[in-house]
Amino acid sequence: MVKHIIIWDLKSELTADEKKAAAKRIKSELEALAGVIEGLESIKVVTDILDTSNGDVMLDSEFTDEKALAYYADHPAHVKVKDFVKTVTAARKCVDYMI
């Protein structure tokens, strides 16, 4: 199994309402990929971030193996979401590891 974690910072020029809407859309669209992409075992997006955090949105997902993670990265359904995410985020951190 492979754990895939992403933390995004939303663009600072977004208003509070725009940030909330963007985070909600990211969560909705990414979590909708469950059961759609082969090898994606679980997916959860956290948007209710505590003030002690230094990120705005977190993706926590698991894949059967590295091949499945690579398949997900290029899958059209994921690319569609990723294209939106790029329009509302300023920074992205990624950690992938074997579990």
PDB file of N, CA and C in Angstrom:
ATOM      1  N   MET A   1       0.845  -1.191   0.000  1.00  0.00           N
ATOM      2  CA  MET A   1       0.000   0.000   0.000  1.00  0.00           C
ATOM      3  C   MET A   1       0.885   1.248   0.000  1.00  0.00           C
ATOM      4  N   VAL A   2       0.372   2.286  -0.628  1.00  0.00           N
ATOM      5  CA  VAL A   2       1.051   3.571  -0.683  1.00  0.00           C
ATOM      6  C   VAL A   2       0.137   4.641  -0.112  1.00  0.00           C
ATOM      7  N   LYS A   3       0.672   5.432   0.781  1.00  0.00           N
ATOM      8  CA  LYS A   3      -0.037   6.575   1.341  1.00  0.00           C
ATOM      9  C   LYS A   3       0.385   7.804   0.542  1.00  0.00           C
ATOM     10  N   HIS A   4      -0.593   8.610   0.146  1.00  0.00           N
ATOM     11  CA  HIS A   4      -0.362   9.819  -0.663  1.00  0.00           C
ATOM     12  C   HIS A   4      -1.035  10.970   0.066  1.00  0.00           C
ATOM     13  N   ILE A   5      -0.218  11.900   0.565  1.00  0.00           N
ATOM     14  CA  ILE A   5      -0.737  13.030   1.332  1.00  0.00           C
ATOM     15  C   ILE A   5      -0.320  14.323   0.638  1.00  0.00           C
ATOM     16  N   ILE A   6      -1.287  15.208   0.462  1.00  0.00           N
ATOM     17  CA  ILE A   6      -1.041  16.517  -0.138  1.00  0.00           C
ATOM     18  C   ILE A   6      -1.561  17.580   0.827  1.00  0.00           C
ATOM     19  N   ILE A   7      -0.802  18.660   0.957  1.00  0.00           N
ATOM     20  CA  ILE A   7      -1.272  19.828   1.706  1.00  0.00           C
ATOM     21  C   ILE A   7      -1.164  21.028   0.770  1.00  0.00           C
ATOM     22  N   TRP A   8      -2.281  21.722   0.617  1.00  0.00           N
ATOM     23  CA  TRP A   8      -2.309  22.906  -0.237  1.00  0.00           C
ATOM     24  C   TRP A   8      -2.505  24.160   0.594  1.00  0.00           C
ATOM     25  N   ASP A   9      -1.917  25.250   0.103  1.00  0.00           N
ATOM     26  CA  ASP A   9      -2.211  26.594   0.577  1.00  0.00           C
ATOM     27  C   ASP A   9      -3.079  27.237  -0.489  1.00  0.00           C
ATOM     28  N   LEU A  10      -4.215  27.751  -0.080  1.00  0.00           N
ATOM     29  CA  LEU A  10      -5.067  28.462  -1.024  1.00  0.00           C
ATOM     30  C   LEU A  10      -4.474  29.838  -1.298  1.00  0.00           C
ATOM     31  N   LYS A  11      -4.776  30.409  -2.448  1.00  0.00           N
ATOM     32  CA  LYS A  11      -4.233  31.706  -2.834  1.00  0.00           C
ATOM     33  C   LYS A  11      -4.662  32.782  -1.840  1.00  0.00           C
ATOM     34  N   SER A  12      -3.733  33.611  -1.449  1.00  0.00           N
ATOM     35  CA  SER A  12      -4.005  34.651  -0.455  1.00  0.00           C
ATOM     36  C   SER A  12      -4.965  35.712  -0.975  1.00  0.00           C
ATOM     37  N   GLU A  13      -5.021  35.888  -2.283  1.00  0.00           N
ATOM     38  CA  GLU A  13      -5.925  36.906  -2.820  1.00  0.00           C
ATOM     39  C   GLU A  13      -7.393  36.488  -2.812  1.00  0.00           C
ATOM     40  N   LEU A  14      -7.672  35.229  -2.510  1.00  0.00           N
ATOM     41  CA  LEU A  14      -9.056  34.778  -2.401  1.00  0.00           C
ATOM     42  C   LEU A  14      -9.675  35.326  -1.116  1.00  0.00           C
ATOM     43  N   THR A  15     -10.937  35.708  -1.199  1.00  0.00           N
ATOM     44  CA  THR A  15     -11.645  36.139   0.004  1.00  0.00           C
ATOM     45  C   THR A  15     -11.913  34.918   0.880  1.00  0.00           C
ATOM     46  N   ALA A  16     -12.316  35.155   2.105  1.00  0.00           N
ATOM     47  CA  ALA A  16     -12.644  34.044   3.011  1.00  0.00           C
ATOM     48  C   ALA A  16     -13.740  33.173   2.414  1.00  0.00           C
ATOM     49  N   ASP A  17     -14.752  33.790   1.821  1.00  0.00           N
ATOM     50  CA  ASP A  17     -15.841  33.019   1.208  1.00  0.00           C
ATOM     51  C   ASP A  17     -15.351  32.228   0.001  1.00  0.00           C
ATOM     52  N   GLU A  18     -14.468  32.819  -0.804  1.00  0.00           N
ATOM     53  CA  GLU A  18     -13.921  32.115  -1.962  1.00  0.00           C
ATOM     54  C   GLU A  18     -13.057  30.936  -1.513  1.00  0.00           C
ATOM     55  N   LYS A  19     -12.278  31.123  -0.452  1.00  0.00           N
ATOM     56  CA  LYS A  19     -11.467  30.025   0.084  1.00  0.00           C
ATOM     57  C   LYS A  19     -12.355  28.893   0.569  1.00  0.00           C
ATOM     58  N   LYS A  20     -13.421  29.230   1.274  1.00  0.00           N
ATOM     59  CA  LYS A  20     -14.345  28.213   1.780  1.00  0.00           C
ATOM     60  C   LYS A  20     -14.978  27.445   0.622  1.00  0.00           C
ATOM     61  N   ALA A  21     -15.401  28.163  -0.408  1.00  0.00           N
ATOM     62  CA  ALA A  21     -16.026  27.522  -1.572  1.00  0.00           C
ATOM     63  C   ALA A  21     -15.018  26.650  -2.318  1.00  0.00           C
ATOM     64  N   ALA A  22     -13.795  27.127  -2.464  1.00  0.00           N
ATOM     65  CA  ALA A  22     -12.763  26.358  -3.163  1.00  0.00           C
ATOM     66  C   ALA A  22     -12.446  25.083  -2.399  1.00  0.00           C
ATOM     67  N   ALA A  23     -12.283  25.185  -1.088  1.00  0.00           N
ATOM     68  CA  ALA A  23     -11.991  24.003  -0.268  1.00  0.00           C
ATOM     69  C   ALA A  23     -13.135  22.997  -0.350  1.00  0.00           C
ATOM     70  N   LYS A  24     -14.344  23.489  -0.306  1.00  0.00           N
ATOM     71  CA  LYS A  24     -15.522  22.604  -0.395  1.00  0.00           C
ATOM     72  C   LYS A  24     -15.548  21.877  -1.742  1.00  0.00           C
ATOM     73  N   ARG A  25     -15.244  22.596  -2.812  1.00  0.00           N
ATOM     74  CA  ARG A  25     -15.241  21.973  -4.149  1.00  0.00           C
ATOM     75  C   ARG A  25     -14.115  20.949  -4.276  1.00  0.00           C
ATOM     76  N   ILE A  26     -12.941  21.282  -3.768  1.00  0.00           N
ATOM     77  CA  ILE A  26     -11.820  20.337  -3.807  1.00  0.00           C
ATOM     78  C   ILE A  26     -12.213  19.054  -3.087  1.00  0.00           C
ATOM     79  N   LYS A  27     -12.776  19.198  -1.901  1.00  0.00           N
ATOM     80  CA  LYS A  27     -13.192  18.032  -1.109  1.00  0.00           C
ATOM     81  C   LYS A  27     -14.221  17.199  -1.862  1.00  0.00           C
ATOM     82  N   SER A  28     -15.243  17.856  -2.346  1.00  0.00           N
ATOM     83  CA  SER A  28     -16.329  17.158  -3.038  1.00  0.00           C
ATOM     84  C   SER A  28     -15.835  16.404  -4.269  1.00  0.00           C
ATOM     85  N   GLU A  29     -15.050  17.087  -5.094  1.00  0.00           N
ATOM     86  CA  GLU A  29     -14.621  16.482  -6.348  1.00  0.00           C
ATOM     87  C   GLU A  29     -13.577  15.390  -6.149  1.00  0.00           C
ATOM     88  N   LEU A  30     -12.652  15.576  -5.225  1.00  0.00           N
ATOM     89  CA  LEU A  30     -11.661  14.515  -4.992  1.00  0.00           C
ATOM     90  C   LEU A  30     -12.294  13.300  -4.337  1.00  0.00           C
ATOM     91  N   GLU A  31     -13.139  13.513  -3.337  1.00  0.00           N
ATOM     92  CA  GLU A  31     -13.768  12.368  -2.670  1.00  0.00           C
ATOM     93  C   GLU A  31     -14.705  11.615  -3.603  1.00  0.00           C
ATOM     94  N   ALA A  32     -15.213  12.287  -4.625  1.00  0.00           N
ATOM     95  CA  ALA A  32     -16.066  11.621  -5.624  1.00  0.00           C
ATOM     96  C   ALA A  32     -15.283  10.631  -6.482  1.00  0.00           C
ATOM     97  N   LEU A  33     -13.960  10.666  -6.416  1.00  0.00           N
ATOM     98  CA  LEU A  33     -13.135   9.726  -7.184  1.00  0.00           C
ATOM     99  C   LEU A  33     -13.106   8.332  -6.559  1.00  0.00           C
ATOM    100  N   ALA A  34     -13.565   8.208  -5.327  1.00  0.00           N
ATOM    101  CA  ALA A  34     -13.622   6.896  -4.670  1.00  0.00           C
ATOM    102  C   ALA A  34     -14.498   5.962  -5.497  1.00  0.00           C
ATOM    103  N   GLY A  35     -13.975   4.791  -5.797  1.00  0.00           N
ATOM    104  CA  GLY A  35     -14.711   3.811  -6.582  1.00  0.00           C
ATOM    105  C   GLY A  35     -14.646   4.046  -8.083  1.00  0.00           C
ATOM    106  N   VAL A  36     -14.004   5.134  -8.504  1.00  0.00           N
ATOM    107  CA  VAL A  36     -13.915   5.467  -9.920  1.00  0.00           C
ATOM    108  C   VAL A  36     -12.563   5.048 -10.496  1.00  0.00           C
ATOM    109  N   ILE A  37     -11.516   5.205  -9.699  1.00  0.00           N
ATOM    110  CA  ILE A  37     -10.164   4.957 -10.186  1.00  0.00           C
ATOM    111  C   ILE A  37      -9.623   3.671  -9.570  1.00  0.00           C
ATOM    112  N   GLU A  38      -9.292   2.728 -10.434  1.00  0.00           N
ATOM    113  CA  GLU A  38      -8.763   1.442  -9.984  1.00  0.00           C
ATOM    114  C   GLU A  38      -7.478   1.641  -9.182  1.00  0.00           C
ATOM    115  N   GLY A  39      -7.398   0.960  -8.046  1.00  0.00           N
ATOM    116  CA  GLY A  39      -6.218   1.038  -7.197  1.00  0.00           C
ATOM    117  C   GLY A  39      -6.302   2.084  -6.110  1.00  0.00           C
ATOM    118  N   LEU A  40      -7.282   2.979  -6.199  1.00  0.00           N
ATOM    119  CA  LEU A  40      -7.509   3.981  -5.158  1.00  0.00           C
ATOM    120  C   LEU A  40      -8.324   3.322  -4.049  1.00  0.00           C
ATOM    121  N   GLU A  41      -7.681   3.053  -2.937  1.00  0.00           N
ATOM    122  CA  GLU A  41      -8.318   2.320  -1.842  1.00  0.00           C
ATOM    123  C   GLU A  41      -9.134   3.221  -0.913  1.00  0.00           C
ATOM    124  N   SER A  42      -8.628   4.424  -0.646  1.00  0.00           N
ATOM    125  CA  SER A  42      -9.371   5.366   0.191  1.00  0.00           C
ATOM    126  C   SER A  42      -8.929   6.779  -0.129  1.00  0.00           C
ATOM    127  N   ILE A  43      -9.852   7.717   0.092  1.00  0.00           N
ATOM    128  CA  ILE A  43      -9.551   9.119  -0.172  1.00  0.00           C
ATOM    129  C   ILE A  43     -10.384   9.982   0.760  1.00  0.00           C
ATOM    130  N   LYS A  44      -9.714  10.927   1.399  1.00  0.00           N
ATOM    131  CA  LYS A  44     -10.378  11.844   2.323  1.00  0.00           C
ATOM    132  C   LYS A  44      -9.713  13.204   2.188  1.00  0.00           C
ATOM    133  N   VAL A  45     -10.535  14.237   2.134  1.00  0.00           N
ATOM    134  CA  VAL A  45     -10.026  15.600   2.082  1.00  0.00           C
ATOM    135  C   VAL A  45     -10.483  16.320   3.339  1.00  0.00           C
ATOM    136  N   VAL A  46      -9.531  16.932   4.027  1.00  0.00           N
ATOM    137  CA  VAL A  46      -9.811  17.641   5.271  1.00  0.00           C
ATOM    138  C   VAL A  46      -9.777  19.137   4.979  1.00  0.00           C
ATOM    139  N   THR A  47     -10.880  19.810   5.309  1.00  0.00           N
ATOM    140  CA  THR A  47     -10.977  21.252   5.077  1.00  0.00           C
ATOM    141  C   THR A  47     -11.207  22.019   6.376  1.00  0.00           C
ATOM    142  N   ASP A  48     -11.556  21.328   7.435  1.00  0.00           N
ATOM    143  CA  ASP A  48     -11.801  21.962   8.730  1.00  0.00           C
ATOM    144  C   ASP A  48     -10.486  21.968   9.508  1.00  0.00           C
ATOM    145  N   ILE A  49      -9.595  22.846   9.101  1.00  0.00           N
ATOM    146  CA  ILE A  49      -8.227  22.896   9.599  1.00  0.00           C
ATOM    147  C   ILE A  49      -8.159  23.799  10.833  1.00  0.00           C
ATOM    148  N   LEU A  50      -7.466  23.343  11.855  1.00  0.00           N
ATOM    149  CA  LEU A  50      -7.290  24.150  13.061  1.00  0.00           C
ATOM    150  C   LEU A  50      -6.351  25.327  12.803  1.00  0.00           C
ATOM    151  N   ASP A  51      -6.487  26.380  13.601  1.00  0.00           N
ATOM    152  CA  ASP A  51      -5.662  27.579  13.455  1.00  0.00           C
ATOM    153  C   ASP A  51      -4.173  27.305  13.658  1.00  0.00           C
ATOM    154  N   THR A  52      -3.837  26.215  14.319  1.00  0.00           N
ATOM    155  CA  THR A  52      -2.428  25.866  14.544  1.00  0.00           C
ATOM    156  C   THR A  52      -1.768  25.277  13.308  1.00  0.00           C
ATOM    157  N   SER A  53      -2.534  25.050  12.263  1.00  0.00           N
ATOM    158  CA  SER A  53      -2.015  24.458  11.023  1.00  0.00           C
ATOM    159  C   SER A  53      -1.375  25.524  10.139  1.00  0.00           C
ATOM    160  N   ASN A  54      -0.504  25.074   9.239  1.00  0.00           N
ATOM    161  CA  ASN A  54       0.076  26.011   8.280  1.00  0.00           C
ATOM    162  C   ASN A  54      -0.263  25.614   6.846  1.00  0.00           C
ATOM    163  N   GLY A  55      -1.368  24.948   6.669  1.00  0.00           N
ATOM    164  CA  GLY A  55      -1.914  24.604   5.362  1.00  0.00           C
ATOM    165  C   GLY A  55      -3.417  24.802   5.412  1.00  0.00           C
ATOM    166  N   ASP A  56      -4.053  24.843   4.244  1.00  0.00           N
ATOM    167  CA  ASP A  56      -5.493  25.109   4.183  1.00  0.00           C
ATOM    168  C   ASP A  56      -6.354  23.893   3.883  1.00  0.00           C
ATOM    169  N   VAL A  57      -5.830  22.965   3.086  1.00  0.00           N
ATOM    170  CA  VAL A  57      -6.585  21.784   2.660  1.00  0.00           C
ATOM    171  C   VAL A  57      -5.618  20.606   2.632  1.00  0.00           C
ATOM    172  N   MET A  58      -6.083  19.441   3.121  1.00  0.00           N
ATOM    173  CA  MET A  58      -5.232  18.252   3.112  1.00  0.00           C
ATOM    174  C   MET A  58      -5.947  17.085   2.439  1.00  0.00           C
ATOM    175  N   LEU A  59      -5.230  16.409   1.557  1.00  0.00           N
ATOM    176  CA  LEU A  59      -5.694  15.173   0.933  1.00  0.00           C
ATOM    177  C   LEU A  59      -4.960  14.014   1.601  1.00  0.00           C
ATOM    178  N   ASP A  60      -5.711  13.020   2.030  1.00  0.00           N
ATOM    179  CA  ASP A  60      -5.147  11.808   2.629  1.00  0.00           C
ATOM    180  C   ASP A  60      -5.722  10.640   1.842  1.00  0.00           C
ATOM    181  N   SER A  61      -4.865   9.957   1.085  1.00  0.00           N
ATOM    182  CA  SER A  61      -5.357   8.869   0.235  1.00  0.00           C
ATOM    183  C   SER A  61      -4.418   7.670   0.293  1.00  0.00           C
ATOM    184  N   GLU A  62      -4.966   6.508  -0.054  1.00  0.00           N
ATOM    185  CA  GLU A  62      -4.203   5.267  -0.069  1.00  0.00           C
ATOM    186  C   GLU A  62      -4.430   4.548  -1.393  1.00  0.00           C
ATOM    187  N   PHE A  63      -3.344   3.947  -1.887  1.00  0.00           N
ATOM    188  CA  PHE A  63      -3.363   3.218  -3.149  1.00  0.00           C
ATOM    189  C   PHE A  63      -2.785   1.826  -2.953  1.00  0.00           C
ATOM    190  N   THR A  64      -3.175   0.911  -3.809  1.00  0.00           N
ATOM    191  CA  THR A  64      -2.707  -0.463  -3.677  1.00  0.00           C
ATOM    192  C   THR A  64      -1.195  -0.566  -3.832  1.00  0.00           C
ATOM    193  N   ASP A  65      -0.628   0.276  -4.713  1.00  0.00           N
ATOM    194  CA  ASP A  65       0.818   0.245  -4.944  1.00  0.00           C
ATOM    195  C   ASP A  65       1.229   1.502  -5.715  1.00  0.00           C
ATOM    196  N   GLU A  66       2.516   1.619  -6.007  1.00  0.00           N
ATOM    197  CA  GLU A  66       3.017   2.796  -6.724  1.00  0.00           C
ATOM    198  C   GLU A  66       2.447   2.897  -8.140  1.00  0.00           C
ATOM    199  N   LYS A  67       2.211   1.760  -8.760  1.00  0.00           N
ATOM    200  CA  LYS A  67       1.626   1.757 -10.098  1.00  0.00           C
ATOM    201  C   LYS A  67       0.222   2.373 -10.067  1.00  0.00           C
ATOM    202  N   ALA A  68      -0.546   2.052  -9.046  1.00  0.00           N
ATOM    203  CA  ALA A  68      -1.894   2.611  -8.910  1.00  0.00           C
ATOM    204  C   ALA A  68      -1.841   4.119  -8.677  1.00  0.00           C
ATOM    205  N   LEU A  69      -0.860   4.580  -7.897  1.00  0.00           N
ATOM    206  CA  LEU A  69      -0.697   6.018  -7.675  1.00  0.00           C
ATOM    207  C   LEU A  69      -0.375   6.720  -8.995  1.00  0.00           C
ATOM    208  N   ALA A  70       0.489   6.140  -9.798  1.00  0.00           N
ATOM    209  CA  ALA A  70       0.837   6.723 -11.092  1.00  0.00           C
ATOM    210  C   ALA A  70      -0.382   6.743 -12.021  1.00  0.00           C
ATOM    211  N   TYR A  71      -1.184   5.686 -11.979  1.00  0.00           N
ATOM    212  CA  TYR A  71      -2.402   5.612 -12.788  1.00  0.00           C
ATOM    213  C   TYR A  71      -3.365   6.727 -12.392  1.00  0.00           C
ATOM    214  N   TYR A  72      -3.530   6.924 -11.091  1.00  0.00           N
ATOM    215  CA  TYR A  72      -4.383   7.987 -10.544  1.00  0.00           C
ATOM    216  C   TYR A  72      -3.910   9.356 -11.024  1.00  0.00           C
ATOM    217  N   ALA A  73      -2.608   9.583 -10.988  1.00  0.00           N
ATOM    218  CA  ALA A  73      -2.047  10.886 -11.347  1.00  0.00           C
ATOM    219  C   ALA A  73      -2.440  11.309 -12.756  1.00  0.00           C
ATOM    220  N   ASP A  74      -2.534  10.342 -13.665  1.00  0.00           N
ATOM    221  CA  ASP A  74      -2.841  10.641 -15.062  1.00  0.00           C
ATOM    222  C   ASP A  74      -4.288  10.358 -15.459  1.00  0.00           C
ATOM    223  N   HIS A  75      -5.085   9.855 -14.529  1.00  0.00           N
ATOM    224  CA  HIS A  75      -6.469   9.511 -14.848  1.00  0.00           C
ATOM    225  C   HIS A  75      -7.254  10.789 -15.188  1.00  0.00           C
ATOM    226  N   PRO A  76      -8.026  10.778 -16.265  1.00  0.00           N
ATOM    227  CA  PRO A  76      -8.758  11.981 -16.683  1.00  0.00           C
ATOM    228  C   PRO A  76      -9.659  12.578 -15.594  1.00  0.00           C
ATOM    229  N   ALA A  77     -10.299  11.747 -14.796  1.00  0.00           N
ATOM    230  CA  ALA A  77     -11.161  12.267 -13.731  1.00  0.00           C
ATOM    231  C   ALA A  77     -10.344  13.030 -12.686  1.00  0.00           C
ATOM    232  N   HIS A  78      -9.152  12.530 -12.380  1.00  0.00           N
ATOM    233  CA  HIS A  78      -8.275  13.222 -11.428  1.00  0.00           C
ATOM    234  C   HIS A  78      -7.686  14.480 -12.052  1.00  0.00           C
ATOM    235  N   VAL A  79      -7.268  14.404 -13.302  1.00  0.00           N
ATOM    236  CA  VAL A  79      -6.674  15.559 -13.984  1.00  0.00           C
ATOM    237  C   VAL A  79      -7.673  16.714 -14.025  1.00  0.00           C
ATOM    238  N   LYS A  80      -8.938  16.413 -14.230  1.00  0.00           N
ATOM    239  CA  LYS A  80      -9.973  17.451 -14.256  1.00  0.00           C
ATOM    240  C   LYS A  80     -10.014  18.199 -12.918  1.00  0.00           C
ATOM    241  N   VAL A  81      -9.967  17.459 -11.819  1.00  0.00           N
ATOM    242  CA  VAL A  81      -9.970  18.085 -10.494  1.00  0.00           C
ATOM    243  C   VAL A  81      -8.671  18.856 -10.286  1.00  0.00           C
ATOM    244  N   LYS A  82      -7.562  18.241 -10.653  1.00  0.00           N
ATOM    245  CA  LYS A  82      -6.249  18.868 -10.484  1.00  0.00           C
ATOM    246  C   LYS A  82      -6.173  20.199 -11.223  1.00  0.00           C
ATOM    247  N   ASP A  83      -6.767  20.267 -12.404  1.00  0.00           N
ATOM    248  CA  ASP A  83      -6.767  21.519 -13.173  1.00  0.00           C
ATOM    249  C   ASP A  83      -7.478  22.630 -12.401  1.00  0.00           C
ATOM    250  N   PHE A  84      -8.595  22.305 -11.735  1.00  0.00           N
ATOM    251  CA  PHE A  84      -9.271  23.306 -10.904  1.00  0.00           C
ATOM    252  C   PHE A  84      -8.407  23.683  -9.705  1.00  0.00           C
ATOM    253  N   VAL A  85      -7.857  22.685  -9.032  1.00  0.00           N
ATOM    254  CA  VAL A  85      -7.050  22.930  -7.830  1.00  0.00           C
ATOM    255  C   VAL A  85      -5.927  23.925  -8.127  1.00  0.00           C
ATOM    256  N   LYS A  86      -5.305  23.782  -9.265  1.00  0.00           N
ATOM    257  CA  LYS A  86      -4.206  24.681  -9.642  1.00  0.00           C
ATOM    258  C   LYS A  86      -4.651  26.139  -9.743  1.00  0.00           C
ATOM    259  N   THR A  87      -5.927  26.374 -10.029  1.00  0.00           N
ATOM    260  CA  THR A  87      -6.414  27.752 -10.170  1.00  0.00           C
ATOM    261  C   THR A  87      -6.646  28.439  -8.836  1.00  0.00           C
ATOM    262  N   VAL A  88      -6.749  27.677  -7.757  1.00  0.00           N
ATOM    263  CA  VAL A  88      -7.080  28.272  -6.452  1.00  0.00           C
ATOM    264  C   VAL A  88      -5.995  28.070  -5.401  1.00  0.00           C
ATOM    265  N   THR A  89      -4.921  27.387  -5.755  1.00  0.00           N
ATOM    266  CA  THR A  89      -3.862  27.133  -4.776  1.00  0.00           C
ATOM    267  C   THR A  89      -2.572  27.867  -5.135  1.00  0.00           C
ATOM    268  N   ALA A  90      -1.830  28.215  -4.071  1.00  0.00           N
ATOM    269  CA  ALA A  90      -0.567  28.923  -4.236  1.00  0.00           C
ATOM    270  C   ALA A  90       0.622  27.995  -4.020  1.00  0.00           C
ATOM    271  N   ALA A  91       0.420  26.953  -3.218  1.00  0.00           N
ATOM    272  CA  ALA A  91       1.517  26.039  -2.902  1.00  0.00           C
ATOM    273  C   ALA A  91       0.972  24.650  -2.626  1.00  0.00           C
ATOM    274  N   ARG A  92       1.831  23.657  -2.906  1.00  0.00           N
ATOM    275  CA  ARG A  92       1.466  22.249  -2.726  1.00  0.00           C
ATOM    276  C   ARG A  92       2.648  21.505  -2.154  1.00  0.00           C
ATOM    277  N   LYS A  93       2.397  20.715  -1.120  1.00  0.00           N
ATOM    278  CA  LYS A  93       3.409  19.810  -0.552  1.00  0.00           C
ATOM    279  C   LYS A  93       2.867  18.402  -0.687  1.00  0.00           C
ATOM    280  N   CYS A  94       3.758  17.463  -0.975  1.00  0.00           N
ATOM    281  CA  CYS A  94       3.358  16.068  -1.166  1.00  0.00           C
ATOM    282  C   CYS A  94       4.286  15.151  -0.393  1.00  0.00           C
ATOM    283  N   VAL A  95       3.684  14.148   0.245  1.00  0.00           N
ATOM    284  CA  VAL A  95       4.447  13.073   0.871  1.00  0.00           C
ATOM    285  C   VAL A  95       3.807  11.761   0.448  1.00  0.00           C
ATOM    286  N   ASP A  96       4.610  10.884  -0.157  1.00  0.00           N
ATOM    287  CA  ASP A  96       4.192   9.547  -0.542  1.00  0.00           C
ATOM    288  C   ASP A  96       5.079   8.568   0.207  1.00  0.00           C
ATOM    289  N   TYR A  97       4.467   7.525   0.777  1.00  0.00           N
ATOM    290  CA  TYR A  97       5.272   6.521   1.479  1.00  0.00           C
ATOM    291  C   TYR A  97       4.551   5.192   1.493  1.00  0.00           C
ATOM    292  N   MET A  98       5.329   4.139   1.670  1.00  0.00           N
ATOM    293  CA  MET A  98       4.788   2.782   1.734  1.00  0.00           C
ATOM    294  C   MET A  98       4.247   2.516   3.139  1.00  0.00           C
ATOM    295  N   ILE A  99       3.102   1.858   3.182  1.00  0.00           N
ATOM    296  CA  ILE A  99       2.534   1.465   4.480  1.00  0.00           C
ATOM    297  C   ILE A  99       2.346  -0.034   4.519  1.00  0.00           C
TER     298      ILE A  99
END
